[in-house]
Amino acid sequence: MNERTATPKRSLLRGLYDWTMANASGRHAWAALFAISFAESSFFPIAPDVMLMPMVLADRKRAFLLAAWCTLASVLGGMFGYAIGAILYDSLGVWLIRVYGYGQSMEAFRESYAQWGAWIILIKGLTPIPYKLVTIASGFAGYNFPLFVLLSVITRGARFTIVAGLIYWFGEPIRHFVEKRLELVMLAVLGTIIAGVLIAKYLF
């Protein structure tokens, strides 16, 4: 039998997964994780979990250090998102908010910050709702900046620590499950992202 025909052809998705896992401990991986985490808190649509999870799987002993690194980048990105809402809302901020379908309700949301600001930041920072909406809206609403930073550290730190902790404790079973059902897992991740956008549009 021809050796070339005997080798199974891997799907593009599995090829991408293999590439990610092979480079998760590379010299540029930490910089990529930082960049994605920073950008996701202010304008980028993809959550940093897509980098954090394979990096923890590839190097579980650094799980909580990676979570802290991800948190730092996310909080700094949140500060940038806050600045967009506070300083650039009439230009960049409006455009970003409209992309997520929330432009018409921003004034009402700003008023709700007076009573529920802390809970809004804490709860929505843990959900699949795009966190950039929280950061931009916080700046637009003029929410207390030091308190915004503190709450961001708490909520983003909790989220990434939970993700890293689950993989740290159940790394091999999770890895085997992901590799065996990769297409299903990626479909679930995509569904979560879409659900977060829809929730932000209709309930945020």
C-alpha atoms as a PDB file:
ATOM      1  CA  MET A   1       0.000   0.000   0.000  1.00  0.00           C
ATOM      2  CA  ASN A   2       1.255   3.449  -0.850  1.00  0.00           C
ATOM      3  CA  GLU A   3       2.581   5.096   2.308  1.00  0.00           C
ATOM      4  CA  ARG A   4       1.181   8.468   1.284  1.00  0.00           C
ATOM      5  CA  THR A   5      -2.367   7.132   1.005  1.00  0.00           C
ATOM      6  CA  ALA A   6      -2.054   5.232   4.274  1.00  0.00           C
ATOM      7  CA  THR A   7      -1.414   8.400   6.276  1.00  0.00           C
ATOM      8  CA  PRO A   8      -4.710   9.918   7.500  1.00  0.00           C
ATOM      9  CA  LYS A   9      -5.316  13.486   6.451  1.00  0.00           C
ATOM     10  CA  ARG A  10      -5.723  15.783   9.446  1.00  0.00           C
ATOM     11  CA  SER A  11      -8.390  18.443   9.442  1.00  0.00           C
ATOM     12  CA  LEU A  12      -7.510  22.115   9.413  1.00  0.00           C
ATOM     13  CA  LEU A  13      -8.914  22.469  12.938  1.00  0.00           C
ATOM     14  CA  ARG A  14      -6.760  19.659  14.328  1.00  0.00           C
ATOM     15  CA  GLY A  15      -3.745  21.031  12.503  1.00  0.00           C
ATOM     16  CA  LEU A  16      -4.346  24.404  14.142  1.00  0.00           C
ATOM     17  CA  TYR A  17      -4.761  22.726  17.541  1.00  0.00           C
ATOM     18  CA  ASP A  18      -1.494  20.823  17.101  1.00  0.00           C
ATOM     19  CA  TRP A  19       0.274  24.032  16.062  1.00  0.00           C
ATOM     20  CA  THR A  20      -1.107  25.900  19.093  1.00  0.00           C
ATOM     21  CA  MET A  21      -0.044  23.164  21.494  1.00  0.00           C
ATOM     22  CA  ALA A  22       3.427  22.947  19.928  1.00  0.00           C
ATOM     23  CA  ASN A  23       3.924  26.709  20.280  1.00  0.00           C
ATOM     24  CA  ALA A  24       2.158  27.187  23.634  1.00  0.00           C
ATOM     25  CA  SER A  25       5.488  27.110  25.439  1.00  0.00           C
ATOM     26  CA  GLY A  26       7.419  28.987  22.745  1.00  0.00           C
ATOM     27  CA  ARG A  27       9.239  32.252  23.330  1.00  0.00           C
ATOM     28  CA  HIS A  28       6.433  34.346  21.804  1.00  0.00           C
ATOM     29  CA  ALA A  29       3.539  32.577  23.550  1.00  0.00           C
ATOM     30  CA  TRP A  30       3.530  34.791  26.648  1.00  0.00           C
ATOM     31  CA  ALA A  31       3.650  37.947  24.528  1.00  0.00           C
ATOM     32  CA  ALA A  32       0.756  36.665  22.407  1.00  0.00           C
ATOM     33  CA  LEU A  33      -1.287  35.854  25.512  1.00  0.00           C
ATOM     34  CA  PHE A  34      -0.625  39.330  26.911  1.00  0.00           C
ATOM     35  CA  ALA A  35      -1.605  41.011  23.636  1.00  0.00           C
ATOM     36  CA  ILE A  36      -4.845  39.059  23.270  1.00  0.00           C
ATOM     37  CA  SER A  37      -5.798  39.589  26.927  1.00  0.00           C
ATOM     38  CA  PHE A  38      -5.131  43.325  26.670  1.00  0.00           C
ATOM     39  CA  ALA A  39      -7.005  43.738  23.407  1.00  0.00           C
ATOM     40  CA  GLU A  40     -10.016  41.657  24.478  1.00  0.00           C
ATOM     41  CA  SER A  41     -10.739  44.076  27.323  1.00  0.00           C
ATOM     42  CA  SER A  42     -10.932  47.074  25.022  1.00  0.00           C
ATOM     43  CA  PHE A  43     -11.717  46.178  21.400  1.00  0.00           C
ATOM     44  CA  PHE A  44     -10.763  42.625  20.273  1.00  0.00           C
ATOM     45  CA  PRO A  45     -13.641  40.077  19.969  1.00  0.00           C
ATOM     46  CA  ILE A  46     -11.756  36.857  20.865  1.00  0.00           C
ATOM     47  CA  ALA A  47     -11.417  35.852  24.536  1.00  0.00           C
ATOM     48  CA  PRO A  48      -7.884  35.115  25.878  1.00  0.00           C
ATOM     49  CA  ASP A  49      -9.032  31.643  26.952  1.00  0.00           C
ATOM     50  CA  VAL A  50      -8.144  30.401  23.465  1.00  0.00           C
ATOM     51  CA  MET A  51      -4.492  31.000  24.349  1.00  0.00           C
ATOM     52  CA  LEU A  52      -4.610  30.531  28.117  1.00  0.00           C
ATOM     53  CA  MET A  53      -6.085  27.024  28.032  1.00  0.00           C
ATOM     54  CA  PRO A  54      -3.558  25.395  25.669  1.00  0.00           C
ATOM     55  CA  MET A  55      -0.678  27.195  27.395  1.00  0.00           C
ATOM     56  CA  VAL A  56      -1.739  25.792  30.776  1.00  0.00           C
ATOM     57  CA  LEU A  57      -2.215  22.348  29.242  1.00  0.00           C
ATOM     58  CA  ALA A  58       1.298  22.533  27.813  1.00  0.00           C
ATOM     59  CA  ASP A  59       2.893  23.761  31.057  1.00  0.00           C
ATOM     60  CA  ARG A  60       0.623  23.011  34.027  1.00  0.00           C
ATOM     61  CA  LYS A  61       3.198  23.934  36.675  1.00  0.00           C
ATOM     62  CA  ARG A  62       2.878  27.565  35.559  1.00  0.00           C
ATOM     63  CA  ALA A  63      -0.921  27.518  35.542  1.00  0.00           C
ATOM     64  CA  PHE A  64      -1.465  30.198  38.181  1.00  0.00           C
ATOM     65  CA  LEU A  65       1.414  32.354  36.957  1.00  0.00           C
ATOM     66  CA  LEU A  66      -0.213  32.316  33.530  1.00  0.00           C
ATOM     67  CA  ALA A  67      -3.545  33.257  35.108  1.00  0.00           C
ATOM     68  CA  ALA A  68      -1.887  36.205  36.884  1.00  0.00           C
ATOM     69  CA  TRP A  69      -0.184  37.282  33.646  1.00  0.00           C
ATOM     70  CA  CYS A  70      -3.503  37.090  31.818  1.00  0.00           C
ATOM     71  CA  THR A  71      -5.187  39.089  34.581  1.00  0.00           C
ATOM     72  CA  LEU A  72      -2.538  41.829  34.465  1.00  0.00           C
ATOM     73  CA  ALA A  73      -2.917  42.232  30.713  1.00  0.00           C
ATOM     74  CA  SER A  74      -6.708  42.169  30.933  1.00  0.00           C
ATOM     75  CA  VAL A  75      -6.828  44.839  33.635  1.00  0.00           C
ATOM     76  CA  LEU A  76      -4.441  47.080  31.703  1.00  0.00           C
ATOM     77  CA  GLY A  77      -6.592  46.550  28.627  1.00  0.00           C
ATOM     78  CA  GLY A  78      -9.608  47.407  30.740  1.00  0.00           C
ATOM     79  CA  MET A  79      -7.968  50.712  31.667  1.00  0.00           C
ATOM     80  CA  PHE A  80      -7.571  51.414  27.951  1.00  0.00           C
ATOM     81  CA  GLY A  81     -11.224  50.521  27.411  1.00  0.00           C
ATOM     82  CA  TYR A  82     -12.151  52.872  30.264  1.00  0.00           C
ATOM     83  CA  ALA A  83     -10.178  55.639  28.538  1.00  0.00           C
ATOM     84  CA  ILE A  84     -12.030  54.961  25.289  1.00  0.00           C
ATOM     85  CA  GLY A  85     -15.332  55.407  27.100  1.00  0.00           C
ATOM     86  CA  ALA A  86     -14.209  58.487  29.038  1.00  0.00           C
ATOM     87  CA  ILE A  87     -12.233  60.314  26.342  1.00  0.00           C
ATOM     88  CA  LEU A  88     -12.980  58.789  22.936  1.00  0.00           C
ATOM     89  CA  TYR A  89     -16.591  57.722  23.328  1.00  0.00           C
ATOM     90  CA  ASP A  90     -17.923  60.078  20.632  1.00  0.00           C
ATOM     91  CA  SER A  91     -15.658  58.469  18.050  1.00  0.00           C
ATOM     92  CA  LEU A  92     -14.097  55.087  18.738  1.00  0.00           C
ATOM     93  CA  GLY A  93     -16.299  54.237  21.720  1.00  0.00           C
ATOM     94  CA  VAL A  94     -19.573  54.745  19.849  1.00  0.00           C
ATOM     95  CA  TRP A  95     -18.380  52.586  16.967  1.00  0.00           C
ATOM     96  CA  LEU A  96     -17.286  49.713  19.220  1.00  0.00           C
ATOM     97  CA  ILE A  97     -20.515  49.779  21.222  1.00  0.00           C
ATOM     98  CA  ARG A  98     -22.622  49.786  18.048  1.00  0.00           C
ATOM     99  CA  VAL A  99     -20.725  46.780  16.714  1.00  0.00           C
ATOM    100  CA  TYR A 100     -22.127  44.828  19.672  1.00  0.00           C
ATOM    101  CA  GLY A 101     -25.609  46.254  19.200  1.00  0.00           C
ATOM    102  CA  TYR A 102     -25.821  48.262  22.415  1.00  0.00           C
ATOM    103  CA  GLY A 103     -25.576  51.857  21.218  1.00  0.00           C
ATOM    104  CA  GLN A 104     -29.233  52.806  21.786  1.00  0.00           C
ATOM    105  CA  SER A 105     -29.226  51.834  25.483  1.00  0.00           C
ATOM    106  CA  MET A 106     -25.996  53.421  26.669  1.00  0.00           C
ATOM    107  CA  GLU A 107     -27.640  56.414  28.345  1.00  0.00           C
ATOM    108  CA  ALA A 108     -29.908  54.189  30.442  1.00  0.00           C
ATOM    109  CA  PHE A 109     -26.965  51.970  31.302  1.00  0.00           C
ATOM    110  CA  ARG A 110     -24.941  54.969  32.496  1.00  0.00           C
ATOM    111  CA  GLU A 111     -27.749  55.885  34.876  1.00  0.00           C
ATOM    112  CA  SER A 112     -27.815  52.340  36.310  1.00  0.00           C
ATOM    113  CA  TYR A 113     -24.134  52.700  37.290  1.00  0.00           C
ATOM    114  CA  ALA A 114     -25.080  55.108  40.076  1.00  0.00           C
ATOM    115  CA  GLN A 115     -26.752  52.252  41.963  1.00  0.00           C
ATOM    116  CA  TRP A 116     -25.312  49.005  40.577  1.00  0.00           C
ATOM    117  CA  GLY A 117     -21.888  49.921  39.186  1.00  0.00           C
ATOM    118  CA  ALA A 118     -19.822  47.534  41.313  1.00  0.00           C
ATOM    119  CA  TRP A 119     -22.132  44.574  40.702  1.00  0.00           C
ATOM    120  CA  ILE A 120     -22.180  45.271  36.978  1.00  0.00           C
ATOM    121  CA  ILE A 121     -18.396  45.102  36.785  1.00  0.00           C
ATOM    122  CA  LEU A 122     -18.065  42.054  39.044  1.00  0.00           C
ATOM    123  CA  ILE A 123     -20.820  39.933  37.516  1.00  0.00           C
ATOM    124  CA  LYS A 124     -20.266  40.768  33.872  1.00  0.00           C
ATOM    125  CA  GLY A 125     -16.519  40.293  34.211  1.00  0.00           C
ATOM    126  CA  LEU A 126     -17.138  36.608  34.963  1.00  0.00           C
ATOM    127  CA  THR A 127     -19.658  35.976  32.187  1.00  0.00           C
ATOM    128  CA  PRO A 128     -19.189  35.422  28.432  1.00  0.00           C
ATOM    129  CA  ILE A 129     -20.498  38.949  27.857  1.00  0.00           C
ATOM    130  CA  PRO A 130     -17.685  40.871  26.099  1.00  0.00           C
ATOM    131  CA  TYR A 131     -15.807  42.633  28.904  1.00  0.00           C
ATOM    132  CA  LYS A 132     -14.922  45.519  26.600  1.00  0.00           C
ATOM    133  CA  LEU A 133     -18.546  46.656  26.892  1.00  0.00           C
ATOM    134  CA  VAL A 134     -18.114  46.939  30.661  1.00  0.00           C
ATOM    135  CA  THR A 135     -14.829  48.822  30.432  1.00  0.00           C
ATOM    136  CA  ILE A 136     -16.022  51.295  27.790  1.00  0.00           C
ATOM    137  CA  ALA A 137     -19.335  51.827  29.573  1.00  0.00           C
ATOM    138  CA  SER A 138     -17.520  52.380  32.885  1.00  0.00           C
ATOM    139  CA  GLY A 139     -15.490  55.179  31.356  1.00  0.00           C
ATOM    140  CA  PHE A 140     -18.551  56.639  29.650  1.00  0.00           C
ATOM    141  CA  ALA A 141     -20.455  56.572  32.944  1.00  0.00           C
ATOM    142  CA  GLY A 142     -17.566  58.228  34.795  1.00  0.00           C
ATOM    143  CA  TYR A 143     -17.371  55.377  37.300  1.00  0.00           C
ATOM    144  CA  ASN A 144     -14.767  55.777  40.060  1.00  0.00           C
ATOM    145  CA  PHE A 145     -11.522  54.771  38.339  1.00  0.00           C
ATOM    146  CA  PRO A 146      -9.569  53.272  41.304  1.00  0.00           C
ATOM    147  CA  LEU A 147     -12.623  51.221  42.271  1.00  0.00           C
ATOM    148  CA  PHE A 148     -13.034  50.137  38.641  1.00  0.00           C
ATOM    149  CA  VAL A 149      -9.445  48.887  38.603  1.00  0.00           C
ATOM    150  CA  LEU A 150      -9.867  47.051  41.917  1.00  0.00           C
ATOM    151  CA  LEU A 151     -13.082  45.354  40.782  1.00  0.00           C
ATOM    152  CA  SER A 152     -11.483  44.445  37.465  1.00  0.00           C
ATOM    153  CA  VAL A 153      -8.586  42.769  39.265  1.00  0.00           C
ATOM    154  CA  ILE A 154     -11.046  40.773  41.374  1.00  0.00           C
ATOM    155  CA  THR A 155     -13.388  39.657  38.615  1.00  0.00           C
ATOM    156  CA  ARG A 156     -10.800  38.996  35.894  1.00  0.00           C
ATOM    157  CA  GLY A 157      -8.420  37.386  38.347  1.00  0.00           C
ATOM    158  CA  ALA A 158     -11.194  35.075  39.548  1.00  0.00           C
ATOM    159  CA  ARG A 159     -12.164  34.095  36.022  1.00  0.00           C
ATOM    160  CA  PHE A 160      -8.677  33.267  34.779  1.00  0.00           C
ATOM    161  CA  THR A 161      -7.679  31.588  38.034  1.00  0.00           C
ATOM    162  CA  ILE A 162     -10.727  29.324  37.838  1.00  0.00           C
ATOM    163  CA  VAL A 163      -9.886  28.370  34.237  1.00  0.00           C
ATOM    164  CA  ALA A 164      -6.226  27.743  35.061  1.00  0.00           C
ATOM    165  CA  GLY A 165      -7.096  25.893  38.274  1.00  0.00           C
ATOM    166  CA  LEU A 166      -9.479  23.509  36.552  1.00  0.00           C
ATOM    167  CA  ILE A 167      -6.865  22.646  33.970  1.00  0.00           C
ATOM    168  CA  TYR A 168      -4.164  22.377  36.650  1.00  0.00           C
ATOM    169  CA  TRP A 169      -6.168  19.843  38.669  1.00  0.00           C
ATOM    170  CA  PHE A 170      -7.823  17.998  35.800  1.00  0.00           C
ATOM    171  CA  GLY A 171      -5.329  18.693  33.038  1.00  0.00           C
ATOM    172  CA  GLU A 172      -4.835  15.253  31.504  1.00  0.00           C
ATOM    173  CA  PRO A 173      -8.532  14.215  31.489  1.00  0.00           C
ATOM    174  CA  ILE A 174      -9.421  17.630  30.017  1.00  0.00           C
ATOM    175  CA  ARG A 175      -6.702  17.326  27.399  1.00  0.00           C
ATOM    176  CA  HIS A 176      -7.835  13.838  26.418  1.00  0.00           C
ATOM    177  CA  PHE A 177     -11.456  14.999  26.236  1.00  0.00           C
ATOM    178  CA  VAL A 178     -10.545  18.023  24.086  1.00  0.00           C
ATOM    179  CA  GLU A 179      -8.357  16.021  21.723  1.00  0.00           C
ATOM    180  CA  LYS A 180     -10.944  13.283  21.339  1.00  0.00           C
ATOM    181  CA  ARG A 181     -13.856  15.675  20.742  1.00  0.00           C
ATOM    182  CA  LEU A 182     -12.042  18.723  19.363  1.00  0.00           C
ATOM    183  CA  GLU A 183     -14.714  19.730  16.871  1.00  0.00           C
ATOM    184  CA  LEU A 184     -17.458  19.527  19.517  1.00  0.00           C
ATOM    185  CA  VAL A 185     -15.402  21.546  22.020  1.00  0.00           C
ATOM    186  CA  MET A 186     -14.643  24.274  19.484  1.00  0.00           C
ATOM    187  CA  LEU A 187     -18.323  24.409  18.535  1.00  0.00           C
ATOM    188  CA  ALA A 188     -19.200  24.885  22.212  1.00  0.00           C
ATOM    189  CA  VAL A 189     -16.596  27.671  22.541  1.00  0.00           C
ATOM    190  CA  LEU A 190     -17.977  29.395  19.449  1.00  0.00           C
ATOM    191  CA  GLY A 191     -21.495  29.045  20.825  1.00  0.00           C
ATOM    192  CA  THR A 192     -20.413  30.633  24.110  1.00  0.00           C
ATOM    193  CA  ILE A 193     -18.914  33.614  22.281  1.00  0.00           C
ATOM    194  CA  ILE A 194     -22.061  34.084  20.210  1.00  0.00           C
ATOM    195  CA  ALA A 195     -24.243  33.729  23.322  1.00  0.00           C
ATOM    196  CA  GLY A 196     -22.201  36.411  25.083  1.00  0.00           C
ATOM    197  CA  VAL A 197     -22.699  38.826  22.189  1.00  0.00           C
ATOM    198  CA  LEU A 198     -26.447  38.106  22.067  1.00  0.00           C
ATOM    199  CA  ILE A 199     -26.812  38.520  25.835  1.00  0.00           C
ATOM    200  CA  ALA A 200     -24.952  41.819  25.615  1.00  0.00           C
ATOM    201  CA  LYS A 201     -27.251  42.952  22.816  1.00  0.00           C
ATOM    202  CA  TYR A 202     -30.580  42.075  24.415  1.00  0.00           C
ATOM    203  CA  LEU A 203     -29.975  42.100  28.193  1.00  0.00           C
ATOM    204  CA  PHE A 204     -26.902  44.224  28.909  1.00  0.00           C
END
